[in-house]
Amino acid sequence: MKVTVETTVAAPMAEVWRAYITPEAIVQWNAASDDWHTTAATVDLREGGKFCSRMEARDGSQGFDFEGVYTLIEPLRRIEYAFGDRHARVDFDETGAGVRVRVEFDPETEFPVEYQQAGWQAILDNFARYVAAQRAQA
């Protein structure tokens, strides 16, 4: 079973792609709720390259590394990666309204699928807001 989340970002493909893959941007948008944040991110964007986002509760009570290995990179189109024994695919498609970003991932078994889908959707919504805010400042 795969879980899918998506958003449409009203920005050019190059801006959306850059915001998704740049560590400095990732730490700005990669959180499912206001009480969490990403304190550091690394990206080696190539097949076989590794990524890691350090996610921590803002109160310091807990944290974890979300990390994995890129298995497919199609610039400005698709990213696939493995994290543990799970996989994810991120598709970037230009539409009349902007760039649709769709993430499909294997859920884990500890938490309900709906909880995981809501969390990943919240992160993707933060991503869209971040890109919009960056465009507004430019």
N, C-alpha and C. Protein backbone atom coordinates (compact mmCIF):
# COMPACT_ATOMS: atom_id res chain seq x y z
N MET A 1 0.83 -1.19 0.00
CA MET A 1 0.00 0.00 0.00
C MET A 1 0.87 1.25 0.00
N LYS A 2 0.55 2.17 -0.86
CA LYS A 2 1.24 3.45 -0.94
C LYS A 2 0.31 4.54 -0.42
N VAL A 3 0.91 5.58 0.15
CA VAL A 3 0.16 6.75 0.61
C VAL A 3 0.61 7.92 -0.25
N THR A 4 -0.35 8.77 -0.65
CA THR A 4 -0.03 9.89 -1.53
C THR A 4 -0.50 11.20 -0.91
N VAL A 5 0.36 12.22 -1.03
CA VAL A 5 0.01 13.59 -0.66
C VAL A 5 0.45 14.48 -1.81
N GLU A 6 -0.20 15.64 -1.95
CA GLU A 6 0.21 16.53 -3.04
C GLU A 6 -0.21 17.96 -2.75
N THR A 7 0.45 18.87 -3.45
CA THR A 7 0.12 20.28 -3.40
C THR A 7 0.49 20.87 -4.74
N THR A 8 -0.05 22.04 -5.04
CA THR A 8 0.35 22.79 -6.22
C THR A 8 0.96 24.10 -5.78
N VAL A 9 2.15 24.38 -6.30
CA VAL A 9 2.90 25.57 -5.92
C VAL A 9 2.89 26.53 -7.10
N ALA A 10 2.41 27.73 -6.88
CA ALA A 10 2.33 28.75 -7.94
C ALA A 10 3.69 29.43 -8.09
N ALA A 11 4.59 28.71 -8.75
CA ALA A 11 5.96 29.21 -8.96
C ALA A 11 6.56 28.43 -10.13
N PRO A 12 7.60 28.99 -10.74
CA PRO A 12 8.27 28.26 -11.82
C PRO A 12 8.94 26.98 -11.31
N MET A 13 9.05 26.01 -12.20
CA MET A 13 9.62 24.71 -11.85
C MET A 13 10.99 24.85 -11.18
N ALA A 14 11.87 25.68 -11.73
CA ALA A 14 13.23 25.80 -11.17
C ALA A 14 13.20 26.26 -9.72
N GLU A 15 12.31 27.16 -9.37
CA GLU A 15 12.22 27.64 -7.98
C GLU A 15 11.69 26.55 -7.07
N VAL A 16 10.68 25.83 -7.53
CA VAL A 16 10.10 24.76 -6.72
C VAL A 16 11.13 23.66 -6.48
N TRP A 17 11.80 23.26 -7.53
CA TRP A 17 12.84 22.22 -7.43
C TRP A 17 13.94 22.64 -6.46
N ARG A 18 14.44 23.87 -6.63
CA ARG A 18 15.53 24.36 -5.78
C ARG A 18 15.11 24.38 -4.31
N ALA A 19 13.88 24.82 -4.02
CA ALA A 19 13.42 24.87 -2.63
C ALA A 19 13.28 23.47 -2.04
N TYR A 20 12.99 22.48 -2.88
CA TYR A 20 12.81 21.12 -2.39
C TYR A 20 14.13 20.42 -2.09
N ILE A 21 15.20 20.81 -2.79
CA ILE A 21 16.46 20.06 -2.67
C ILE A 21 17.58 20.80 -1.97
N THR A 22 17.38 22.05 -1.59
CA THR A 22 18.44 22.86 -0.99
C THR A 22 18.38 22.78 0.54
N PRO A 23 19.47 22.35 1.19
CA PRO A 23 19.44 22.22 2.66
C PRO A 23 19.00 23.50 3.37
N GLU A 24 19.45 24.66 2.91
CA GLU A 24 19.08 25.92 3.56
C GLU A 24 17.58 26.16 3.48
N ALA A 25 16.95 25.71 2.42
CA ALA A 25 15.49 25.84 2.29
C ALA A 25 14.78 24.76 3.11
N ILE A 26 15.28 23.56 3.07
CA ILE A 26 14.63 22.45 3.77
C ILE A 26 14.45 22.75 5.25
N VAL A 27 15.44 23.35 5.88
CA VAL A 27 15.31 23.65 7.31
C VAL A 27 14.24 24.69 7.58
N GLN A 28 13.82 25.41 6.56
CA GLN A 28 12.78 26.43 6.72
C GLN A 28 11.36 25.85 6.63
N TRP A 29 11.17 24.79 5.87
CA TRP A 29 9.81 24.28 5.63
C TRP A 29 9.53 22.88 6.15
N ASN A 30 10.54 22.11 6.49
CA ASN A 30 10.35 20.68 6.78
C ASN A 30 9.90 20.43 8.22
N ALA A 31 8.61 20.64 8.47
CA ALA A 31 8.02 20.34 9.78
C ALA A 31 6.53 20.07 9.59
N ALA A 32 6.02 19.12 10.35
CA ALA A 32 4.60 18.77 10.25
C ALA A 32 3.72 19.64 11.16
N SER A 33 4.34 20.29 12.16
CA SER A 33 3.58 21.15 13.07
C SER A 33 4.52 22.22 13.64
N ASP A 34 3.93 23.24 14.23
CA ASP A 34 4.73 24.36 14.75
C ASP A 34 5.61 23.98 15.93
N ASP A 35 5.31 22.87 16.59
CA ASP A 35 6.13 22.47 17.74
C ASP A 35 7.32 21.58 17.36
N TRP A 36 7.53 21.39 16.06
CA TRP A 36 8.69 20.68 15.55
C TRP A 36 9.43 21.56 14.55
N HIS A 37 10.71 21.28 14.34
CA HIS A 37 11.48 21.97 13.32
C HIS A 37 12.63 21.09 12.87
N THR A 38 13.18 21.45 11.72
CA THR A 38 14.36 20.77 11.20
C THR A 38 15.56 21.65 11.51
N THR A 39 16.49 21.12 12.27
CA THR A 39 17.63 21.92 12.72
C THR A 39 18.82 21.84 11.77
N ALA A 40 18.87 20.80 10.95
CA ALA A 40 19.96 20.65 9.99
C ALA A 40 19.51 19.73 8.87
N ALA A 41 20.05 19.95 7.69
CA ALA A 41 19.74 19.10 6.55
C ALA A 41 20.97 18.95 5.67
N THR A 42 21.16 17.77 5.14
CA THR A 42 22.22 17.52 4.16
C THR A 42 21.59 16.83 2.96
N VAL A 43 22.11 17.15 1.79
CA VAL A 43 21.59 16.60 0.54
C VAL A 43 22.76 16.30 -0.39
N ASP A 44 22.91 15.07 -0.81
CA ASP A 44 23.86 14.67 -1.84
C ASP A 44 23.01 14.14 -3.00
N LEU A 45 22.51 15.08 -3.81
CA LEU A 45 21.48 14.78 -4.80
C LEU A 45 22.06 14.08 -6.03
N ARG A 46 22.24 12.78 -5.88
CA ARG A 46 22.68 11.91 -6.97
C ARG A 46 22.24 10.51 -6.59
N GLU A 47 22.06 9.67 -7.60
CA GLU A 47 21.69 8.28 -7.31
C GLU A 47 22.79 7.66 -6.46
N GLY A 48 22.41 7.11 -5.32
CA GLY A 48 23.37 6.57 -4.36
C GLY A 48 23.78 7.58 -3.32
N GLY A 49 23.43 8.85 -3.52
CA GLY A 49 23.76 9.90 -2.55
C GLY A 49 22.81 9.83 -1.36
N LYS A 50 23.27 10.36 -0.23
CA LYS A 50 22.48 10.30 1.00
C LYS A 50 21.88 11.66 1.32
N PHE A 51 20.79 11.61 2.08
CA PHE A 51 20.19 12.83 2.62
C PHE A 51 19.88 12.60 4.09
N CYS A 52 19.80 13.69 4.84
CA CYS A 52 19.42 13.60 6.24
C CYS A 52 18.82 14.93 6.67
N SER A 53 17.69 14.85 7.33
CA SER A 53 17.08 16.02 7.97
C SER A 53 16.95 15.70 9.46
N ARG A 54 17.56 16.54 10.29
CA ARG A 54 17.46 16.37 11.75
C ARG A 54 16.19 17.08 12.21
N MET A 55 15.23 16.31 12.67
CA MET A 55 13.95 16.86 13.11
C MET A 55 13.88 16.79 14.63
N GLU A 56 13.52 17.91 15.25
CA GLU A 56 13.48 17.97 16.71
C GLU A 56 12.25 18.71 17.19
N ALA A 57 11.76 18.27 18.36
CA ALA A 57 10.70 19.01 19.02
C ALA A 57 11.29 20.34 19.48
N ARG A 58 10.56 21.42 19.34
CA ARG A 58 11.07 22.73 19.73
C ARG A 58 11.38 22.81 21.22
N ASP A 59 10.70 22.00 22.03
CA ASP A 59 10.98 22.02 23.47
C ASP A 59 12.17 21.14 23.85
N GLY A 60 12.81 20.53 22.84
CA GLY A 60 14.00 19.72 23.09
C GLY A 60 13.72 18.34 23.66
N SER A 61 12.46 17.96 23.75
CA SER A 61 12.12 16.69 24.39
C SER A 61 12.43 15.46 23.56
N GLN A 62 12.51 15.62 22.23
CA GLN A 62 12.79 14.47 21.37
C GLN A 62 13.24 14.93 20.00
N GLY A 63 13.83 14.01 19.27
CA GLY A 63 14.27 14.31 17.92
C GLY A 63 14.67 13.03 17.20
N PHE A 64 14.82 13.14 15.90
CA PHE A 64 15.23 11.98 15.12
C PHE A 64 15.81 12.45 13.79
N ASP A 65 16.58 11.59 13.16
CA ASP A 65 17.11 11.86 11.83
C ASP A 65 16.23 11.15 10.81
N PHE A 66 15.69 11.92 9.87
CA PHE A 66 14.99 11.34 8.73
C PHE A 66 16.05 11.25 7.63
N GLU A 67 16.47 10.03 7.33
CA GLU A 67 17.58 9.88 6.40
C GLU A 67 17.34 8.72 5.45
N GLY A 68 18.04 8.80 4.33
CA GLY A 68 17.92 7.75 3.35
C GLY A 68 18.90 7.92 2.21
N VAL A 69 18.65 7.19 1.14
CA VAL A 69 19.53 7.16 -0.03
C VAL A 69 18.68 7.41 -1.27
N TYR A 70 19.15 8.30 -2.13
CA TYR A 70 18.47 8.55 -3.39
C TYR A 70 18.67 7.37 -4.33
N THR A 71 17.58 6.90 -4.93
CA THR A 71 17.66 5.77 -5.85
C THR A 71 17.43 6.18 -7.30
N LEU A 72 16.81 7.36 -7.50
CA LEU A 72 16.58 7.87 -8.85
C LEU A 72 16.47 9.39 -8.79
N ILE A 73 17.19 10.06 -9.68
CA ILE A 73 17.10 11.52 -9.79
C ILE A 73 16.85 11.84 -11.26
N GLU A 74 15.73 12.48 -11.53
CA GLU A 74 15.43 13.02 -12.85
C GLU A 74 15.22 14.52 -12.64
N PRO A 75 16.25 15.33 -12.85
CA PRO A 75 16.16 16.76 -12.51
C PRO A 75 14.89 17.43 -13.06
N LEU A 76 14.28 18.22 -12.18
CA LEU A 76 13.07 18.97 -12.48
C LEU A 76 11.87 18.08 -12.80
N ARG A 77 11.95 16.80 -12.42
CA ARG A 77 10.86 15.88 -12.74
C ARG A 77 10.55 14.89 -11.62
N ARG A 78 11.56 14.15 -11.13
CA ARG A 78 11.29 13.09 -10.16
C ARG A 78 12.50 12.83 -9.27
N ILE A 79 12.18 12.52 -8.01
CA ILE A 79 13.17 12.06 -7.03
C ILE A 79 12.59 10.80 -6.40
N GLU A 80 13.40 9.74 -6.34
CA GLU A 80 13.00 8.54 -5.61
C GLU A 80 14.08 8.25 -4.58
N TYR A 81 13.63 7.75 -3.43
CA TYR A 81 14.60 7.43 -2.38
C TYR A 81 14.10 6.30 -1.50
N ALA A 82 15.07 5.67 -0.84
CA ALA A 82 14.79 4.62 0.13
C ALA A 82 15.16 5.17 1.50
N PHE A 83 14.32 4.86 2.48
CA PHE A 83 14.62 5.22 3.87
C PHE A 83 14.26 4.01 4.71
N GLY A 84 15.31 3.36 5.23
CA GLY A 84 15.11 2.06 5.87
C GLY A 84 14.64 1.08 4.81
N ASP A 85 13.59 0.32 5.13
CA ASP A 85 13.05 -0.64 4.16
C ASP A 85 11.86 -0.06 3.40
N ARG A 86 11.68 1.24 3.48
CA ARG A 86 10.58 1.92 2.82
C ARG A 86 11.08 2.76 1.65
N HIS A 87 10.15 3.12 0.77
CA HIS A 87 10.50 3.91 -0.41
C HIS A 87 9.54 5.07 -0.58
N ALA A 88 10.02 6.10 -1.28
CA ALA A 88 9.17 7.25 -1.61
C ALA A 88 9.52 7.74 -3.00
N ARG A 89 8.54 8.38 -3.62
CA ARG A 89 8.73 8.99 -4.93
C ARG A 89 8.11 10.38 -4.88
N VAL A 90 8.85 11.36 -5.41
CA VAL A 90 8.36 12.73 -5.47
C VAL A 90 8.33 13.13 -6.94
N ASP A 91 7.13 13.49 -7.43
CA ASP A 91 6.97 13.90 -8.82
C ASP A 91 6.68 15.40 -8.87
N PHE A 92 7.30 16.07 -9.83
CA PHE A 92 7.12 17.50 -10.07
C PHE A 92 6.53 17.65 -11.47
N ASP A 93 5.30 18.14 -11.56
CA ASP A 93 4.62 18.26 -12.85
C ASP A 93 4.11 19.68 -13.03
N GLU A 94 4.44 20.29 -14.17
CA GLU A 94 3.94 21.62 -14.46
C GLU A 94 2.47 21.53 -14.86
N THR A 95 1.67 22.43 -14.29
CA THR A 95 0.25 22.52 -14.61
C THR A 95 -0.06 23.99 -14.91
N GLY A 96 -1.27 24.27 -15.31
CA GLY A 96 -1.66 25.65 -15.56
C GLY A 96 -1.63 26.52 -14.31
N ALA A 97 -1.76 25.89 -13.14
CA ALA A 97 -1.79 26.62 -11.87
C ALA A 97 -0.42 26.69 -11.20
N GLY A 98 0.59 26.03 -11.75
CA GLY A 98 1.91 26.00 -11.14
C GLY A 98 2.49 24.60 -11.21
N VAL A 99 3.30 24.27 -10.23
CA VAL A 99 3.95 22.96 -10.20
C VAL A 99 3.23 22.07 -9.17
N ARG A 100 2.72 20.96 -9.66
CA ARG A 100 2.12 19.99 -8.74
C ARG A 100 3.25 19.11 -8.20
N VAL A 101 3.35 19.06 -6.88
CA VAL A 101 4.32 18.20 -6.21
C VAL A 101 3.53 17.08 -5.56
N ARG A 102 3.82 15.87 -5.97
CA ARG A 102 3.11 14.70 -5.45
C ARG A 102 4.13 13.76 -4.82
N VAL A 103 3.89 13.38 -3.58
CA VAL A 103 4.76 12.47 -2.85
C VAL A 103 3.98 11.19 -2.58
N GLU A 104 4.56 10.09 -2.97
CA GLU A 104 3.98 8.77 -2.72
C GLU A 104 4.98 8.00 -1.87
N PHE A 105 4.52 7.44 -0.74
CA PHE A 105 5.47 6.76 0.16
C PHE A 105 4.85 5.51 0.77
N ASP A 106 5.75 4.63 1.21
CA ASP A 106 5.35 3.44 1.95
C ASP A 106 5.13 3.85 3.40
N PRO A 107 3.95 3.57 3.96
CA PRO A 107 3.74 3.90 5.37
C PRO A 107 4.48 2.92 6.27
N GLU A 108 4.73 3.37 7.49
CA GLU A 108 5.31 2.45 8.47
C GLU A 108 4.17 1.83 9.25
N THR A 109 4.46 0.93 10.17
CA THR A 109 3.42 0.16 10.83
C THR A 109 3.11 0.63 12.25
N GLU A 110 3.88 1.56 12.79
CA GLU A 110 3.68 1.98 14.18
C GLU A 110 2.48 2.90 14.36
N PHE A 111 2.25 3.81 13.41
CA PHE A 111 1.18 4.78 13.52
C PHE A 111 0.14 4.55 12.43
N PRO A 112 -1.11 4.96 12.67
CA PRO A 112 -2.15 4.80 11.65
C PRO A 112 -1.79 5.52 10.35
N VAL A 113 -2.21 4.96 9.24
CA VAL A 113 -1.92 5.53 7.93
C VAL A 113 -2.45 6.96 7.84
N GLU A 114 -3.64 7.21 8.37
CA GLU A 114 -4.22 8.56 8.30
C GLU A 114 -3.35 9.58 9.02
N TYR A 115 -2.75 9.19 10.13
CA TYR A 115 -1.85 10.06 10.89
C TYR A 115 -0.61 10.39 10.06
N GLN A 116 -0.05 9.37 9.43
CA GLN A 116 1.13 9.58 8.59
C GLN A 116 0.81 10.46 7.39
N GLN A 117 -0.33 10.21 6.75
CA GLN A 117 -0.72 11.00 5.59
C GLN A 117 -0.91 12.47 6.00
N ALA A 118 -1.54 12.71 7.13
CA ALA A 118 -1.74 14.08 7.60
C ALA A 118 -0.41 14.77 7.88
N GLY A 119 0.54 14.06 8.46
CA GLY A 119 1.85 14.64 8.76
C GLY A 119 2.62 14.99 7.50
N TRP A 120 2.66 14.07 6.55
CA TRP A 120 3.37 14.33 5.30
C TRP A 120 2.68 15.43 4.51
N GLN A 121 1.34 15.49 4.57
CA GLN A 121 0.62 16.57 3.88
C GLN A 121 0.93 17.91 4.53
N ALA A 122 1.00 17.95 5.85
CA ALA A 122 1.33 19.19 6.55
C ALA A 122 2.72 19.69 6.14
N ILE A 123 3.67 18.79 6.01
CA ILE A 123 5.01 19.18 5.57
C ILE A 123 4.95 19.74 4.15
N LEU A 124 4.22 19.10 3.28
CA LEU A 124 4.11 19.57 1.90
C LEU A 124 3.38 20.92 1.83
N ASP A 125 2.39 21.11 2.68
CA ASP A 125 1.71 22.42 2.75
C ASP A 125 2.68 23.50 3.23
N ASN A 126 3.53 23.18 4.21
CA ASN A 126 4.55 24.13 4.66
C ASN A 126 5.51 24.47 3.52
N PHE A 127 5.85 23.47 2.73
CA PHE A 127 6.71 23.68 1.57
C PHE A 127 6.09 24.70 0.62
N ALA A 128 4.82 24.51 0.28
CA ALA A 128 4.14 25.43 -0.63
C ALA A 128 4.10 26.85 -0.06
N ARG A 129 3.82 26.97 1.24
CA ARG A 129 3.81 28.30 1.87
C ARG A 129 5.19 28.95 1.85
N TYR A 130 6.23 28.14 2.08
CA TYR A 130 7.60 28.65 2.05
C TYR A 130 7.94 29.22 0.67
N VAL A 131 7.64 28.47 -0.39
CA VAL A 131 7.94 28.93 -1.74
C VAL A 131 7.16 30.22 -2.03
N ALA A 132 5.89 30.27 -1.65
CA ALA A 132 5.09 31.48 -1.87
C ALA A 132 5.68 32.67 -1.13
N ALA A 133 6.12 32.47 0.09
CA ALA A 133 6.72 33.56 0.87
C ALA A 133 8.03 34.03 0.24
N GLN A 134 8.83 33.11 -0.26
CA GLN A 134 10.08 33.48 -0.92
C GLN A 134 9.81 34.31 -2.17
N ARG A 135 8.77 33.94 -2.92
CA ARG A 135 8.40 34.69 -4.13
C ARG A 135 7.93 36.09 -3.75
N ALA A 136 7.19 36.20 -2.65
CA ALA A 136 6.66 37.50 -2.23
C ALA A 136 7.79 38.44 -1.80
N GLN A 137 8.87 37.88 -1.26
CA GLN A 137 10.00 38.70 -0.83
C GLN A 137 10.90 39.14 -1.98
N ALA A 138 10.82 38.42 -3.10
CA ALA A 138 11.71 38.72 -4.22
C ALA A 138 11.31 39.98 -4.97
